[in-house]
Amino acid sequence: MAEPPASAHPAELELARARCRALHDRLATSPALLRHPALRSLLRLVAAELRFLTSGNHPDPARPLSSNLPHLGALHLLLTHPAVRSPSRLTPLPGVDFACAFRSRPAWVLLSGRNPSGFRWDPSQGLRSRVAAVLDSARSAPPATRPEKLLLAFARGVGADIVCGLTDEFGAEEIDLLAEFVGDTEDDKEEDGWVSVSFHPDEEMRSFRAFEIDIVDDGGEVLPPPPPQHVNLDLGSVDTLEGCFGDFLGKMRMDSMELVNLDTTALVAIVSGISNGGVGKLMSTPEAETRGRFKCNYKFVMDQAQSELQYPIFVEFGKAVDGKKCIICETVSSEFTEIASMCGGPEEKARASQLLKKLIIVSDSPSPRMMDLPTRKLAMKNKVVFGTGDHWRAPTLTANMGFVRAVSQSGMPLLTIEHKPRALIGL
């Protein structure tokens, strides 16, 4: 939404240009740019706004400068908020700025960067009609893209009449967008109740006010106690709990309420000899012997070995599972056990057995919205694996980015954590 300042003096125009350039540079250098289509769309919009501000084709300086910069800046803040995951492309539907998983719940986001004095609660137009129209669209959307919540965010605050209208007519509840930046203090000397605040540089988030409107009332489920494990693998005599693998297992917490769903690619990468110190042995083996062993997969395996030297996979894995409870579905358990038994070496099999003892196996229970997606481009097995994670509101740790992209193109936000692939190498 365009926000007209009081006047368009040259100093004000130059300030708008500087802010737009800063936002453009921040987006262009963001590590998340390649993974998030919403950020790429936002970068194009900011580039267009910068061209407008630097074009010189402006009306009389005595008239107010109309710019989309406040809205674009607010979009960037919200898209990069830690509670916003898997954002869709911008404006997927009329009146909706983007869809995402907000605090693990599918949500449609309505955002305003306008001055709160520009809002009025009019029964027949303006914000009220926009919210009503989006609510109707949400409730009639197919299960695959239907949100559970609407998130309304006002970057510069909002007046009391708007708050009353949202709460009285739509049952909106105000939420705190700063919750992700506040944690318990680690200083034992502090008095009870003190907290430490770690906030990112964009202090403008403090002026946001946000509200949620429920579309679907579904409180989620609580995991049952871990079932007994029955793993038929050759354990060997290797001490598998040393090194990075042992450190990784130590990061999991069975009593955590926060979940991570692991697919087969993640399990294979965790126990792979490439991830567990086997790169040196692989590299020292004569090339002819290695080619004869891996045949057409030679380049695939050697590329993974080079990747491991540059980016050890347990660094990203450790961050993904630290302090969390890890689950797998029955399909993944069966597939991984078979792969490890057939293709794993003695050490890889031993690690596989130890890993399965640290995981909770849940029944295949894909979410209705995942099963509502067409199967033509999406294999049923993947829908079961990722859909089970979606059912438990757990991000899926995966290297299967082809499936993730296909789901994203359908318009359904899906919680995932990407990792680099690793193969079993028979060590």
Protein backbone atom coordinates (compact mmCIF):
# COMPACT_ATOMS: atom_id res chain seq x y z
CA MET A 1 0.00 0.00 0.00
CA ALA A 2 1.43 3.39 -0.96
CA GLU A 3 2.06 5.79 1.89
CA PRO A 4 2.17 9.53 1.05
CA PRO A 5 4.50 11.58 3.25
CA ALA A 6 3.48 15.11 4.19
CA SER A 7 5.60 16.64 1.42
CA ALA A 8 8.10 15.67 -1.24
CA HIS A 9 11.06 17.94 -0.51
CA PRO A 10 14.33 16.91 -2.20
CA ALA A 11 15.78 15.77 1.13
CA GLU A 12 12.83 13.46 1.68
CA LEU A 13 13.14 12.02 -1.82
CA GLU A 14 16.86 11.41 -1.30
CA LEU A 15 16.14 9.66 2.01
CA ALA A 16 13.60 7.41 0.28
CA ARG A 17 16.18 6.55 -2.38
CA ALA A 18 18.79 5.71 0.26
CA ARG A 19 16.38 3.47 2.16
CA CYS A 20 15.30 1.75 -1.03
CA ARG A 21 18.91 1.10 -2.05
CA ALA A 22 19.67 -0.31 1.40
CA LEU A 23 16.67 -2.66 1.19
CA HIS A 24 17.63 -3.70 -2.33
CA ASP A 25 21.21 -4.49 -1.29
CA ARG A 26 20.05 -6.43 1.77
CA LEU A 27 17.76 -8.57 -0.37
CA ALA A 28 20.30 -9.07 -3.15
CA THR A 29 22.90 -10.40 -0.70
CA SER A 30 20.52 -12.53 1.38
CA PRO A 31 21.67 -16.19 1.64
CA ALA A 32 18.00 -17.21 1.53
CA LEU A 33 17.35 -15.55 -1.83
CA LEU A 34 17.86 -18.67 -3.94
CA ARG A 35 15.58 -20.79 -1.74
CA HIS A 36 12.69 -18.35 -1.28
CA PRO A 37 10.66 -17.29 -4.33
CA ALA A 38 8.90 -14.65 -2.20
CA LEU A 39 12.19 -12.87 -1.54
CA ARG A 40 13.06 -12.98 -5.24
CA SER A 41 9.67 -11.45 -6.07
CA LEU A 42 10.22 -8.80 -3.42
CA LEU A 43 13.64 -7.99 -4.86
CA ARG A 44 12.06 -7.34 -8.26
CA LEU A 45 9.46 -5.04 -6.69
CA VAL A 46 12.12 -3.14 -4.74
CA ALA A 47 14.23 -2.77 -7.91
CA ALA A 48 11.20 -1.33 -9.71
CA GLU A 49 10.55 1.07 -6.82
CA LEU A 50 14.19 2.17 -6.89
CA ARG A 51 13.96 2.87 -10.62
CA PHE A 52 10.88 4.98 -9.97
CA LEU A 53 12.54 6.96 -7.17
CA THR A 54 15.67 7.63 -9.23
CA SER A 55 13.93 8.33 -12.54
CA GLY A 56 13.30 12.01 -11.96
CA ASN A 57 9.77 11.62 -13.34
CA HIS A 58 8.14 13.02 -10.24
CA PRO A 59 5.27 15.48 -9.98
CA ASP A 60 5.54 18.95 -8.53
CA PRO A 61 7.80 18.79 -5.41
CA ALA A 62 5.09 20.63 -3.53
CA ARG A 63 2.88 17.56 -3.80
CA PRO A 64 3.31 14.50 -1.52
CA LEU A 65 5.63 11.71 -2.65
CA SER A 66 3.73 8.47 -3.11
CA SER A 67 5.90 5.40 -2.59
CA ASN A 68 5.40 1.70 -1.91
CA LEU A 69 8.62 1.60 0.10
CA PRO A 70 6.95 1.35 3.57
CA HIS A 71 4.95 -1.68 2.43
CA LEU A 72 7.95 -3.31 0.76
CA GLY A 73 10.10 -2.78 3.85
CA ALA A 74 7.38 -4.27 6.05
CA LEU A 75 7.12 -7.26 3.71
CA HIS A 76 10.84 -7.90 4.09
CA LEU A 77 10.62 -7.78 7.88
CA LEU A 78 7.73 -10.22 7.95
CA LEU A 79 9.13 -12.62 5.35
CA THR A 80 12.36 -12.92 7.34
CA HIS A 81 10.65 -13.29 10.73
CA PRO A 82 11.73 -16.62 12.32
CA ALA A 83 8.12 -17.72 12.83
CA VAL A 84 7.40 -17.35 9.09
CA ARG A 85 8.42 -20.51 7.21
CA SER A 86 8.03 -21.61 3.59
CA PRO A 87 6.47 -18.39 2.26
CA SER A 88 4.72 -18.63 -1.10
CA ARG A 89 5.10 -16.27 -3.99
CA LEU A 90 3.75 -12.79 -3.32
CA THR A 91 0.05 -12.04 -3.83
CA PRO A 92 -1.05 -15.63 -4.52
CA LEU A 93 -4.70 -14.51 -4.22
CA PRO A 94 -6.52 -11.17 -4.29
CA GLY A 95 -6.13 -9.43 -0.94
CA VAL A 96 -3.47 -11.89 0.34
CA ASP A 97 0.15 -10.73 0.52
CA PHE A 98 1.56 -14.27 0.83
CA ALA A 99 0.84 -17.72 2.24
CA CYS A 100 3.19 -19.41 4.70
CA ALA A 101 3.51 -21.68 7.69
CA PHE A 102 3.31 -19.32 10.66
CA ARG A 103 4.37 -20.94 13.93
CA SER A 104 3.91 -24.29 12.17
CA ARG A 105 0.30 -23.52 11.11
CA PRO A 106 -0.76 -22.87 7.48
CA ALA A 107 -1.65 -19.19 7.24
CA TRP A 108 -2.54 -16.45 4.79
CA VAL A 109 -0.94 -13.10 5.56
CA LEU A 110 -2.48 -9.66 5.12
CA LEU A 111 0.03 -6.85 5.69
CA SER A 112 -0.19 -3.09 5.83
CA GLY A 113 2.62 -0.56 5.99
CA ARG A 114 0.22 2.40 6.08
CA ASN A 115 -0.04 5.09 8.68
CA PRO A 116 -2.78 3.98 11.11
CA SER A 117 -4.53 7.33 10.63
CA GLY A 118 -5.35 6.18 7.10
CA PHE A 119 -7.64 3.37 8.34
CA ARG A 120 -11.33 3.56 9.14
CA TRP A 121 -13.60 0.66 10.09
CA ASP A 122 -16.21 0.98 7.36
CA PRO A 123 -18.77 -1.86 7.16
CA SER A 124 -18.96 -1.72 3.37
CA GLN A 125 -15.41 -1.03 2.20
CA GLY A 126 -11.75 -0.73 3.13
CA LEU A 127 -10.08 -3.13 5.55
CA ARG A 128 -13.27 -4.78 6.76
CA SER A 129 -14.39 -5.77 3.27
CA ARG A 130 -10.87 -7.01 2.45
CA VAL A 131 -10.78 -9.23 5.55
CA ALA A 132 -14.29 -10.53 4.90
CA ALA A 133 -13.46 -11.38 1.28
CA VAL A 134 -10.25 -13.19 2.24
CA LEU A 135 -12.07 -15.14 4.95
CA ASP A 136 -14.65 -16.30 2.42
CA SER A 137 -11.88 -17.37 0.03
CA ALA A 138 -10.04 -19.22 2.81
CA ARG A 139 -13.10 -21.15 3.96
CA SER A 140 -13.96 -22.21 0.41
CA ALA A 141 -10.39 -23.10 -0.61
CA PRO A 142 -9.58 -26.78 -1.32
CA PRO A 143 -7.95 -28.68 1.59
CA ALA A 144 -4.47 -28.53 0.03
CA THR A 145 -4.30 -24.74 0.13
CA ARG A 146 -6.82 -23.93 2.86
CA PRO A 147 -5.17 -21.99 5.72
CA GLU A 148 -5.85 -22.61 9.37
CA LYS A 149 -5.38 -18.96 10.24
CA LEU A 150 -5.33 -15.46 8.82
CA LEU A 151 -2.46 -13.32 10.06
CA LEU A 152 -3.07 -9.57 9.90
CA ALA A 153 0.02 -7.45 10.48
CA PHE A 154 0.14 -3.66 10.76
CA ALA A 155 3.72 -2.45 10.46
CA ARG A 156 3.06 1.02 11.89
CA GLY A 157 0.44 0.12 14.45
CA VAL A 158 -3.33 0.36 14.24
CA GLY A 159 -6.12 2.41 15.80
CA ALA A 160 -8.52 1.31 18.52
CA ASP A 161 -11.54 1.24 16.17
CA ILE A 162 -9.79 -1.24 13.89
CA VAL A 163 -8.82 -3.43 16.84
CA CYS A 164 -12.42 -3.43 18.10
CA GLY A 165 -13.77 -4.23 14.64
CA LEU A 166 -11.38 -7.15 14.13
CA THR A 167 -12.06 -8.65 17.55
CA ASP A 168 -15.81 -8.08 17.69
CA GLU A 169 -16.72 -9.06 14.12
CA PHE A 170 -14.08 -11.64 13.24
CA GLY A 171 -12.92 -12.99 16.60
CA ALA A 172 -9.35 -11.83 15.99
CA GLU A 173 -6.81 -12.22 18.79
CA GLU A 174 -3.74 -10.02 19.12
CA ILE A 175 -0.41 -11.89 19.15
CA ASP A 176 3.14 -10.93 20.03
CA LEU A 177 5.56 -11.00 17.09
CA LEU A 178 8.49 -10.48 19.46
CA ALA A 179 8.02 -13.83 21.22
CA GLU A 180 10.66 -15.55 19.05
CA PHE A 181 13.27 -13.03 20.17
CA VAL A 182 12.84 -13.43 23.93
CA GLY A 183 14.44 -16.24 25.92
CA ASP A 184 15.08 -17.21 29.50
CA THR A 185 18.15 -15.63 31.03
CA GLU A 186 21.19 -17.86 31.47
CA ASP A 187 22.50 -15.81 34.37
CA ASP A 188 21.61 -17.68 37.54
CA LYS A 189 22.25 -14.54 39.57
CA GLU A 190 19.33 -12.72 38.00
CA GLU A 191 16.08 -12.57 39.90
CA ASP A 192 13.22 -14.81 38.83
CA GLY A 193 11.23 -13.45 35.93
CA TRP A 194 14.08 -11.64 34.19
CA VAL A 195 14.58 -12.44 30.53
CA SER A 196 17.28 -11.81 27.99
CA VAL A 197 16.28 -10.24 24.69
CA SER A 198 18.18 -10.99 21.48
CA PHE A 199 16.65 -8.93 18.69
CA HIS A 200 17.76 -8.63 15.08
CA PRO A 201 18.84 -5.20 13.82
CA ASP A 202 15.43 -4.31 12.36
CA GLU A 203 14.02 -2.56 15.40
CA GLU A 204 11.01 -1.50 13.30
CA MET A 205 9.46 -4.84 14.17
CA ARG A 206 8.73 -3.39 17.61
CA SER A 207 6.09 -1.10 16.08
CA PHE A 208 4.19 -4.01 14.47
CA ARG A 209 0.81 -5.08 15.80
CA ALA A 210 -0.49 -8.44 14.63
CA PHE A 211 -3.75 -10.37 14.91
CA GLU A 212 -4.82 -13.94 14.15
CA ILE A 213 -8.23 -15.12 12.93
CA ASP A 214 -8.93 -18.86 13.11
CA ILE A 215 -10.17 -20.57 9.97
CA VAL A 216 -9.81 -24.15 11.21
CA ASP A 217 -9.96 -25.07 14.87
CA ASP A 218 -7.38 -27.86 15.24
CA GLY A 219 -5.13 -27.89 18.26
CA GLY A 220 -2.78 -30.58 16.96
CA GLU A 221 -1.78 -33.79 18.71
CA VAL A 222 0.58 -34.92 21.43
CA LEU A 223 3.03 -37.72 20.66
CA PRO A 224 2.54 -40.97 22.56
CA PRO A 225 5.45 -42.57 24.42
CA PRO A 226 8.10 -44.03 22.09
CA PRO A 227 7.12 -47.53 20.94
CA PRO A 228 9.60 -50.42 21.40
CA GLN A 229 12.15 -50.69 18.62
CA HIS A 230 12.75 -53.93 16.71
CA VAL A 231 15.68 -53.42 14.35
CA ASN A 232 17.19 -56.38 12.54
CA LEU A 233 20.60 -55.10 11.50
CA ASP A 234 24.06 -56.53 11.93
CA LEU A 235 25.43 -54.40 14.76
CA GLY A 236 29.04 -55.47 14.33
CA SER A 237 31.54 -54.52 16.97
CA VAL A 238 32.14 -50.89 16.05
CA ASP A 239 31.80 -48.20 18.70
CA THR A 240 29.44 -45.95 16.75
CA LEU A 241 28.76 -43.35 19.42
CA GLU A 242 32.08 -41.56 19.10
CA GLY A 243 32.81 -38.44 17.08
CA CYS A 244 30.28 -36.33 15.19
CA PHE A 245 27.71 -39.13 15.07
CA GLY A 246 27.66 -39.52 18.85
CA ASP A 247 27.53 -35.75 19.32
CA PHE A 248 24.62 -35.59 16.90
CA LEU A 249 22.61 -38.25 18.76
CA GLY A 250 23.28 -36.40 22.00
CA LYS A 251 21.55 -33.29 20.66
CA MET A 252 18.16 -35.04 20.36
CA ARG A 253 15.72 -34.73 23.27
CA MET A 254 13.03 -37.37 23.75
CA ASP A 255 11.13 -35.13 26.17
CA SER A 256 10.98 -32.12 23.82
CA MET A 257 7.67 -30.79 22.57
CA GLU A 258 9.33 -29.54 19.37
CA LEU A 259 9.44 -32.13 16.59
CA VAL A 260 11.48 -32.79 13.47
CA ASN A 261 10.40 -35.36 10.88
CA LEU A 262 13.23 -37.20 9.09
CA ASP A 263 12.85 -38.75 5.66
CA THR A 264 14.97 -41.56 4.22
CA THR A 265 17.48 -39.19 2.60
CA ALA A 266 18.19 -37.65 6.00
CA LEU A 267 18.67 -41.02 7.72
CA VAL A 268 21.01 -42.24 4.98
CA ALA A 269 23.06 -39.04 5.19
CA ILE A 270 23.36 -39.34 8.99
CA VAL A 271 24.86 -42.86 8.89
CA SER A 272 26.80 -42.51 5.61
CA GLY A 273 30.50 -43.21 5.70
CA ILE A 274 30.98 -39.95 3.82
CA SER A 275 29.50 -38.02 6.74
CA ASN A 276 31.42 -40.01 9.34
CA GLY A 277 35.08 -39.66 8.49
CA GLY A 278 35.25 -41.95 5.47
CA VAL A 279 36.20 -39.28 2.94
CA GLY A 280 39.94 -39.76 3.50
CA LYS A 281 39.73 -43.49 2.85
CA LEU A 282 37.54 -42.87 -0.20
CA MET A 283 39.97 -40.31 -1.63
CA SER A 284 43.05 -42.49 -1.01
CA THR A 285 41.60 -45.48 -2.87
CA PRO A 286 42.93 -45.81 -6.46
CA GLU A 287 40.57 -44.21 -8.93
CA ALA A 288 40.19 -47.36 -11.01
CA GLU A 289 39.09 -49.33 -7.95
CA THR A 290 36.64 -46.61 -6.89
CA ARG A 291 35.18 -46.37 -10.40
CA GLY A 292 34.78 -50.12 -10.56
CA ARG A 293 33.02 -50.09 -7.21
CA PHE A 294 30.56 -47.27 -7.81
CA LYS A 295 30.33 -47.52 -11.62
CA CYS A 296 27.89 -44.91 -12.98
CA ASN A 297 27.54 -43.39 -9.49
CA TYR A 298 31.25 -42.55 -9.27
CA LYS A 299 30.87 -38.81 -9.91
CA PHE A 300 27.81 -38.62 -7.67
CA VAL A 301 29.74 -40.14 -4.73
CA MET A 302 32.93 -38.15 -5.29
CA ASP A 303 30.98 -34.89 -5.52
CA GLN A 304 29.44 -35.70 -2.16
CA ALA A 305 32.89 -36.38 -0.72
CA GLN A 306 34.11 -32.98 -1.91
CA SER A 307 30.99 -31.36 -0.49
CA GLU A 308 31.64 -33.00 2.88
CA LEU A 309 35.18 -31.60 2.96
CA GLN A 310 33.83 -28.09 2.38
CA TYR A 311 30.58 -28.29 4.35
CA PRO A 312 30.52 -31.08 6.98
CA ILE A 313 26.93 -32.21 7.09
CA PHE A 314 26.70 -32.68 10.85
CA VAL A 315 27.02 -28.92 11.27
CA GLU A 316 23.64 -28.33 9.58
CA PHE A 317 22.14 -31.53 11.01
CA GLY A 318 23.09 -30.51 14.54
CA LYS A 319 21.32 -27.18 14.16
CA ALA A 320 18.21 -28.89 12.75
CA VAL A 321 17.69 -31.37 15.63
CA ASP A 322 19.26 -29.59 18.60
CA GLY A 323 16.90 -29.91 21.57
CA LYS A 324 14.14 -31.53 19.47
CA LYS A 325 12.34 -34.86 19.34
CA CYS A 326 12.95 -36.68 16.04
CA ILE A 327 10.24 -38.77 14.41
CA ILE A 328 10.03 -41.02 11.35
CA CYS A 329 6.99 -42.67 9.83
CA GLU A 330 6.62 -46.40 9.27
CA THR A 331 7.29 -46.05 5.54
CA VAL A 332 10.64 -44.37 6.19
CA SER A 333 11.56 -46.90 8.89
CA SER A 334 10.91 -49.82 6.54
CA GLU A 335 12.66 -48.26 3.56
CA PHE A 336 15.71 -47.14 5.54
CA THR A 337 16.12 -50.51 7.27
CA GLU A 338 16.08 -52.26 3.89
CA ILE A 339 18.55 -49.81 2.32
CA ALA A 340 20.96 -50.03 5.27
CA SER A 341 20.80 -53.84 5.29
CA MET A 342 21.42 -54.15 1.54
CA CYS A 343 23.85 -51.28 0.83
CA GLY A 344 25.47 -50.33 4.11
CA GLY A 345 28.90 -51.42 5.28
CA PRO A 346 29.49 -52.76 8.81
CA GLU A 347 29.96 -49.31 10.35
CA GLU A 348 27.03 -47.80 8.45
CA LYS A 349 24.77 -50.66 9.60
CA ALA A 350 25.88 -50.20 13.20
CA ARG A 351 25.18 -46.47 13.05
CA ALA A 352 21.78 -47.18 11.48
CA SER A 353 20.84 -49.41 14.42
CA GLN A 354 21.96 -46.85 16.99
CA LEU A 355 20.12 -44.07 15.14
CA LEU A 356 16.81 -45.94 15.02
CA LYS A 357 16.95 -46.40 18.79
CA LYS A 358 16.91 -42.60 19.17
CA LEU A 359 13.92 -42.01 16.91
CA ILE A 360 10.18 -42.26 17.49
CA ILE A 361 8.40 -44.30 14.83
CA VAL A 362 4.88 -43.02 14.19
CA SER A 363 2.24 -44.55 11.98
CA ASP A 364 1.84 -43.33 8.42
CA SER A 365 -0.65 -40.51 8.92
CA PRO A 366 -0.44 -37.98 6.09
CA SER A 367 -2.40 -34.78 6.56
CA PRO A 368 -5.62 -34.31 4.57
CA ARG A 369 -4.21 -31.26 2.81
CA MET A 370 -1.20 -33.24 1.58
CA MET A 371 -3.40 -36.07 0.34
CA ASP A 372 -5.59 -33.52 -1.45
CA LEU A 373 -2.69 -32.60 -3.73
CA PRO A 374 -2.83 -34.29 -7.17
CA THR A 375 -0.71 -37.44 -7.36
CA ARG A 376 0.19 -37.01 -11.03
CA LYS A 377 3.40 -35.11 -10.23
CA LEU A 378 3.76 -36.20 -6.61
CA ALA A 379 4.61 -39.81 -5.74
CA MET A 380 2.30 -41.31 -3.14
CA LYS A 381 5.22 -42.47 -0.98
CA ASN A 382 6.52 -38.90 -0.69
CA LYS A 383 3.04 -37.61 0.11
CA VAL A 384 2.88 -40.12 2.97
CA VAL A 385 6.33 -39.20 4.33
CA PHE A 386 6.00 -35.43 4.10
CA GLY A 387 2.30 -35.54 4.92
CA THR A 388 3.02 -37.37 8.18
CA GLY A 389 5.40 -34.60 9.17
CA ASP A 390 2.73 -32.08 8.23
CA HIS A 391 0.20 -33.98 10.37
CA TRP A 392 2.50 -33.62 13.39
CA ARG A 393 3.34 -29.99 12.49
CA ALA A 394 6.98 -30.98 12.20
CA PRO A 395 9.38 -29.75 9.50
CA THR A 396 10.76 -32.58 7.38
CA LEU A 397 14.54 -32.83 7.11
CA THR A 398 15.15 -33.84 3.49
CA ALA A 399 17.36 -33.73 0.40
CA ASN A 400 14.33 -34.40 -1.84
CA MET A 401 14.05 -30.85 -3.12
CA GLY A 402 12.28 -31.93 -6.30
CA PHE A 403 9.24 -32.91 -4.24
CA VAL A 404 9.51 -29.75 -2.13
CA ARG A 405 9.51 -27.56 -5.26
CA ALA A 406 6.54 -29.43 -6.71
CA VAL A 407 4.53 -28.86 -3.53
CA SER A 408 5.55 -25.20 -3.46
CA GLN A 409 4.31 -24.72 -7.01
CA SER A 410 0.90 -26.01 -5.90
CA GLY A 411 0.65 -23.06 -3.50
CA MET A 412 0.77 -25.14 -0.31
CA PRO A 413 3.31 -23.96 2.31
CA LEU A 414 5.21 -27.00 3.58
CA LEU A 415 7.64 -27.00 6.50
CA THR A 416 10.96 -28.47 5.37
CA ILE A 417 14.65 -28.24 6.22
CA GLU A 418 16.97 -28.86 3.28
CA HIS A 419 20.20 -30.84 3.58
CA LYS A 420 22.84 -31.95 1.10
CA PRO A 421 22.59 -35.57 -0.05
CA ARG A 422 24.97 -38.29 1.14
CA ALA A 423 25.09 -41.92 -0.04
CA LEU A 424 25.99 -45.17 1.68
CA ILE A 425 29.45 -46.26 0.52
CA GLY A 426 29.78 -49.70 2.11
CA LEU A 427 32.14 -48.73 4.94
